[in-house]
Amino acid sequence: MSLQSLYTAATGMHAMETKLDVIANNLANTSTTGFKKDRANFEDLFYRQERLPGSTDADSNITPTGIEVGLGVRVSSTQSDFDQGSFQQTGNQLDFAIEGDGFFEVQGLNGEQLYTRAGNFGLNANGELVLGSAHTGFRLQPNITIPPNATGVLVTADGSISFSTSENPEYTQLGQLQLTTFINPDGLLKMGDNLFRPTEASGNAVQSLPGQLGVGLIRQGSLEASNVDPTTELIDLINTQRSFELNSQVVRAGDEVMELIANLRR
């Protein structure tokens, strides 16, 4: 029995280690634009059934309860929290924040469609709007090209984008921003670089104009901050550490019991 307790407690330590990794990633991204925090979900493992509930005893009586010994815990999933982050005003005319649901669509290196909540866009050498990255620029879709003589860019809440020049201060419509939603955003695959890739679990991408079909609005000159709450994460960190310590104490206790049993013959 004490040997089983070692394995059971070990599953708890492994699960808490994974949860600690998730918390560490959340805290590391407290300043990441558009970052959505994760949480670790757990489920209990298979039970060793020594007596089933409802079985019949020697006197033909039905037992109201059974004897079930759990074998530990495991991480069932990591789930993203897509709650709205706070808005940070930057004043940059190429910074866009999404107020509500939706993702910006950008083009990956091999032409695949990727999605992001980050709106820190810039221009490449061709004047196209691109999402800045440590590696390369990902072009916004639909493609928007800012004329080289543009002196001002205006984006309305519904995604209409216009520009003005020094010769013509009146704004001329240039294009239309679109947002994409998924029936199950938790099913998106995180790629790094603030990007998500759709999967079979996320469902198909549904493109809409901002403000329509439940899609959010565009805020120009602002960025969506990470939705990580450092205070909550630190409290969770302490609880995780305590849970790990308790499981380690079970391992220590099981080892001591085995040592006592081994010394009985001496």
Protein backbone atom coordinates (compact mmCIF):
# COMPACT_ATOMS: atom_id res chain seq x y z
CA MET A 1 0.00 0.00 0.00
CA SER A 2 2.79 2.41 0.86
CA LEU A 3 4.35 1.65 -2.52
CA GLN A 4 1.15 2.78 -4.24
CA SER A 5 1.18 6.00 -2.25
CA LEU A 6 4.58 6.82 -3.75
CA TYR A 7 3.24 6.55 -7.29
CA THR A 8 0.03 8.43 -6.43
CA ALA A 9 1.91 11.29 -4.81
CA ALA A 10 4.31 11.36 -7.75
CA THR A 11 1.40 12.02 -10.13
CA GLY A 12 0.40 14.94 -7.90
CA MET A 13 3.92 16.37 -7.99
CA HIS A 14 4.05 16.01 -11.79
CA ALA A 15 0.67 17.71 -12.16
CA MET A 16 1.71 20.59 -9.89
CA GLU A 17 4.94 20.94 -11.88
CA THR A 18 2.90 21.39 -15.06
CA LYS A 19 0.65 23.93 -13.34
CA LEU A 20 3.74 25.78 -12.17
CA ASP A 21 4.96 25.94 -15.78
CA VAL A 22 1.61 27.43 -16.85
CA ILE A 23 1.73 30.05 -14.09
CA ALA A 24 5.32 30.93 -15.00
CA ASN A 25 4.30 31.48 -18.63
CA ASN A 26 1.40 33.68 -17.56
CA LEU A 27 3.63 35.84 -15.36
CA ALA A 28 6.30 36.05 -18.06
CA ASN A 29 3.69 37.49 -20.47
CA THR A 30 2.13 40.14 -18.24
CA SER A 31 3.38 42.80 -20.69
CA THR A 32 2.72 40.89 -23.93
CA THR A 33 0.25 42.65 -26.21
CA GLY A 34 -3.00 40.72 -26.61
CA PHE A 35 -1.80 37.77 -24.51
CA LYS A 36 -4.48 35.49 -23.06
CA LYS A 37 -3.66 33.68 -19.84
CA ASP A 38 -3.90 29.91 -19.47
CA ARG A 39 -5.02 27.65 -16.67
CA ALA A 40 -4.31 23.98 -16.06
CA ASN A 41 -7.27 21.63 -15.63
CA PHE A 42 -6.94 18.32 -13.78
CA GLU A 43 -8.75 14.99 -13.63
CA ASP A 44 -8.43 12.03 -11.29
CA LEU A 45 -6.93 8.79 -12.55
CA PHE A 46 -8.36 5.28 -12.68
CA TYR A 47 -9.53 3.79 -9.35
CA ARG A 48 -8.58 0.44 -7.89
CA GLN A 49 -11.91 -1.22 -7.06
CA GLU A 50 -11.62 -3.50 -4.03
CA ARG A 51 -15.40 -3.67 -3.55
CA LEU A 52 -17.95 -2.26 -5.94
CA PRO A 53 -20.83 -0.13 -4.66
CA GLY A 54 -24.08 -2.11 -4.79
CA SER A 55 -22.39 -5.50 -4.55
CA THR A 56 -23.86 -8.28 -2.41
CA ASP A 57 -22.22 -9.40 0.82
CA ALA A 58 -22.22 -12.88 2.40
CA ASP A 59 -25.73 -12.32 3.83
CA SER A 60 -27.13 -11.28 0.43
CA ASN A 61 -27.31 -7.65 1.53
CA ILE A 62 -26.51 -4.92 -0.98
CA THR A 63 -23.63 -2.79 0.21
CA PRO A 64 -24.42 0.96 0.07
CA THR A 65 -20.83 1.91 -0.59
CA GLY A 66 -17.73 0.31 -2.01
CA ILE A 67 -14.00 0.43 -1.46
CA GLU A 68 -12.30 2.53 -4.13
CA VAL A 69 -8.71 3.72 -3.95
CA GLY A 70 -7.69 6.49 -6.32
CA LEU A 71 -4.41 6.24 -8.21
CA GLY A 72 -3.62 9.92 -8.56
CA VAL A 73 -4.17 12.88 -10.86
CA ARG A 74 -3.15 14.12 -14.29
CA VAL A 75 -3.46 17.30 -16.34
CA SER A 76 -6.52 16.99 -18.56
CA SER A 77 -6.00 20.21 -20.52
CA THR A 78 -4.68 23.74 -20.51
CA GLN A 79 -7.40 26.26 -21.25
CA SER A 80 -7.03 29.84 -22.43
CA ASP A 81 -9.00 32.69 -20.91
CA PHE A 82 -10.15 35.02 -23.70
CA ASP A 83 -11.53 37.71 -21.41
CA GLN A 84 -10.92 41.26 -22.58
CA GLY A 85 -7.62 42.82 -21.55
CA SER A 86 -7.34 46.47 -20.58
CA PHE A 87 -6.63 49.11 -23.21
CA GLN A 88 -3.36 51.01 -23.38
CA GLN A 89 -3.48 54.25 -25.32
CA THR A 90 -0.40 54.69 -27.48
CA GLY A 91 -1.40 57.43 -29.88
CA ASN A 92 0.19 55.44 -32.73
CA GLN A 93 -2.16 55.56 -35.72
CA LEU A 94 -1.17 52.01 -36.73
CA ASP A 95 -1.96 50.49 -33.32
CA PHE A 96 -5.36 48.77 -33.25
CA ALA A 97 -7.15 47.13 -30.33
CA ILE A 98 -10.18 44.85 -30.58
CA GLU A 99 -12.96 45.76 -28.17
CA GLY A 100 -14.92 42.54 -27.93
CA ASP A 101 -14.60 39.20 -29.70
CA GLY A 102 -12.55 38.55 -32.80
CA PHE A 103 -9.06 38.17 -34.22
CA PHE A 104 -7.02 39.92 -36.87
CA GLU A 105 -6.11 37.62 -39.75
CA VAL A 106 -2.51 37.67 -40.99
CA GLN A 107 -0.62 35.68 -43.59
CA GLY A 108 2.05 33.26 -42.41
CA LEU A 109 5.42 32.61 -44.01
CA ASN A 110 4.12 29.74 -46.15
CA GLY A 111 0.86 31.48 -47.06
CA GLU A 112 -1.22 29.92 -44.28
CA GLN A 113 -3.81 32.01 -42.48
CA LEU A 114 -2.98 32.83 -38.85
CA TYR A 115 -4.84 34.89 -36.27
CA THR A 116 -3.89 37.30 -33.51
CA ARG A 117 -5.30 39.64 -30.88
CA ALA A 118 -2.20 41.83 -31.01
CA GLY A 119 -2.68 45.00 -33.01
CA ASN A 120 0.80 46.54 -33.05
CA PHE A 121 0.98 46.90 -36.83
CA GLY A 122 3.59 48.63 -38.92
CA LEU A 123 4.55 49.02 -42.57
CA ASN A 124 6.89 46.90 -44.64
CA ALA A 125 9.00 48.14 -47.57
CA ASN A 126 5.95 47.94 -49.85
CA GLY A 127 3.76 50.03 -47.55
CA GLU A 128 1.66 47.02 -46.50
CA LEU A 129 0.28 46.71 -42.99
CA VAL A 130 2.17 43.94 -41.18
CA LEU A 131 2.18 42.56 -37.67
CA GLY A 132 5.61 43.14 -36.18
CA SER A 133 7.53 40.07 -35.04
CA ALA A 134 11.01 39.22 -33.83
CA HIS A 135 11.50 37.18 -37.01
CA THR A 136 9.47 38.74 -39.81
CA GLY A 137 6.38 40.76 -40.64
CA PHE A 138 3.03 38.99 -41.10
CA ARG A 139 0.82 40.78 -43.63
CA LEU A 140 -2.64 41.80 -42.48
CA GLN A 141 -5.52 40.19 -44.38
CA PRO A 142 -7.27 41.56 -46.37
CA ASN A 143 -4.12 43.25 -47.59
CA ILE A 144 -3.98 46.99 -46.86
CA THR A 145 -1.34 49.16 -48.56
CA ILE A 146 -0.73 52.68 -47.30
CA PRO A 147 0.35 55.13 -50.06
CA PRO A 148 3.87 56.52 -49.57
CA ASN A 149 2.58 60.11 -49.55
CA ALA A 150 0.04 59.47 -46.78
CA THR A 151 0.43 61.78 -43.81
CA GLY A 152 -2.50 60.49 -41.78
CA VAL A 153 -4.35 57.20 -41.33
CA LEU A 154 -7.85 56.99 -39.85
CA VAL A 155 -9.55 53.78 -38.77
CA THR A 156 -13.15 53.95 -37.58
CA ALA A 157 -14.79 51.61 -35.08
CA ASP A 158 -16.36 49.58 -37.90
CA GLY A 159 -12.94 48.96 -39.50
CA SER A 160 -13.11 51.46 -42.36
CA ILE A 161 -9.58 52.70 -43.06
CA SER A 162 -8.81 56.01 -44.80
CA PHE A 163 -5.76 58.16 -45.43
CA SER A 164 -4.94 61.80 -46.05
CA THR A 165 -2.01 63.60 -47.66
CA SER A 166 -0.47 67.01 -47.25
CA GLU A 167 -1.92 68.00 -50.65
CA ASN A 168 -5.38 66.62 -49.81
CA PRO A 169 -6.22 66.85 -46.10
CA GLU A 170 -9.60 65.21 -46.73
CA TYR A 171 -9.56 61.51 -45.85
CA THR A 172 -9.98 59.06 -48.72
CA GLN A 173 -11.22 55.54 -47.99
CA LEU A 174 -8.52 52.98 -48.58
CA GLY A 175 -9.96 49.65 -47.48
CA GLN A 176 -11.88 47.74 -44.85
CA LEU A 177 -10.53 45.83 -41.84
CA GLN A 178 -12.20 42.53 -41.05
CA LEU A 179 -12.25 40.42 -37.89
CA THR A 180 -12.49 36.65 -37.57
CA THR A 181 -14.27 34.59 -34.93
CA PHE A 182 -14.29 30.88 -34.09
CA ILE A 183 -16.99 28.81 -32.46
CA ASN A 184 -14.37 27.36 -30.08
CA PRO A 185 -11.39 29.70 -29.64
CA ASP A 186 -9.99 27.32 -26.99
CA GLY A 187 -9.33 24.92 -29.87
CA LEU A 188 -6.87 27.30 -31.55
CA LEU A 189 -3.24 26.19 -31.61
CA LYS A 190 -0.80 28.69 -30.09
CA MET A 191 2.14 29.26 -32.42
CA GLY A 192 4.10 31.90 -30.51
CA ASP A 193 4.66 35.38 -31.98
CA ASN A 194 1.17 36.25 -30.63
CA LEU A 195 -0.32 33.99 -33.32
CA PHE A 196 -2.97 31.28 -33.35
CA ARG A 197 -3.57 28.57 -35.95
CA PRO A 198 -7.05 27.08 -36.50
CA THR A 199 -7.56 23.36 -35.88
CA GLU A 200 -10.38 20.87 -36.24
CA ALA A 201 -11.33 21.68 -32.66
CA SER A 202 -11.62 25.44 -33.19
CA GLY A 203 -14.03 25.17 -36.11
CA ASN A 204 -13.94 27.17 -39.29
CA ALA A 205 -12.97 30.83 -39.37
CA VAL A 206 -15.93 33.20 -39.73
CA GLN A 207 -15.06 36.63 -41.12
CA SER A 208 -17.23 39.63 -40.31
CA LEU A 209 -17.05 43.39 -40.32
CA PRO A 210 -16.29 44.92 -36.91
CA GLY A 211 -19.49 45.53 -34.98
CA GLN A 212 -21.53 42.95 -36.89
CA LEU A 213 -22.63 39.41 -35.95
CA GLY A 214 -21.34 39.81 -32.40
CA VAL A 215 -17.84 40.80 -33.50
CA GLY A 216 -15.96 43.50 -31.58
CA LEU A 217 -15.07 47.03 -32.61
CA ILE A 218 -11.72 48.57 -33.55
CA ARG A 219 -9.95 51.10 -31.33
CA GLN A 220 -7.28 53.03 -33.18
CA GLY A 221 -4.31 54.35 -31.23
CA SER A 222 -4.65 51.71 -28.52
CA LEU A 223 -3.38 48.21 -27.78
CA GLU A 224 -5.01 45.44 -25.79
CA ALA A 225 -2.87 44.55 -22.80
CA SER A 226 -2.39 41.05 -21.42
CA ASN A 227 -5.32 39.85 -19.31
CA VAL A 228 -2.98 38.30 -16.72
CA ASP A 229 -3.69 39.45 -13.15
CA PRO A 230 -0.32 39.20 -11.32
CA THR A 231 -1.99 39.14 -7.89
CA THR A 232 -4.18 36.18 -8.79
CA GLU A 233 -1.24 34.37 -10.37
CA LEU A 234 0.93 34.85 -7.29
CA ILE A 235 -1.82 33.46 -5.05
CA ASP A 236 -2.15 30.48 -7.39
CA LEU A 237 1.63 30.12 -7.33
CA ILE A 238 1.64 29.85 -3.52
CA ASN A 239 -1.18 27.28 -3.56
CA THR A 240 0.64 25.24 -6.21
CA GLN A 241 3.85 25.30 -4.19
CA ARG A 242 2.01 24.14 -1.07
CA SER A 243 0.32 21.33 -3.00
CA PHE A 244 3.67 20.18 -4.35
CA GLU A 245 5.13 20.19 -0.82
CA LEU A 246 2.19 18.16 0.52
CA ASN A 247 2.67 15.52 -2.17
CA SER A 248 6.39 15.40 -1.43
CA GLN A 249 5.55 14.79 2.23
CA VAL A 250 3.38 11.84 1.20
CA VAL A 251 6.35 10.41 -0.69
CA ARG A 252 8.51 10.88 2.39
CA ALA A 253 5.90 9.25 4.65
CA GLY A 254 5.49 6.30 2.28
CA ASP A 255 9.25 5.82 2.20
CA GLU A 256 9.39 5.79 6.01
CA VAL A 257 6.57 3.23 6.20
CA MET A 258 8.41 0.96 3.75
CA GLU A 259 11.56 1.33 5.81
CA LEU A 260 9.67 0.29 8.97
CA ILE A 261 8.21 -2.72 7.20
CA ALA A 262 11.65 -3.73 5.91
CA ASN A 263 13.04 -3.58 9.48
CA LEU A 264 10.36 -5.79 11.02
CA ARG A 265 12.45 -8.94 10.50
CA ARG A 266 15.51 -7.52 12.21
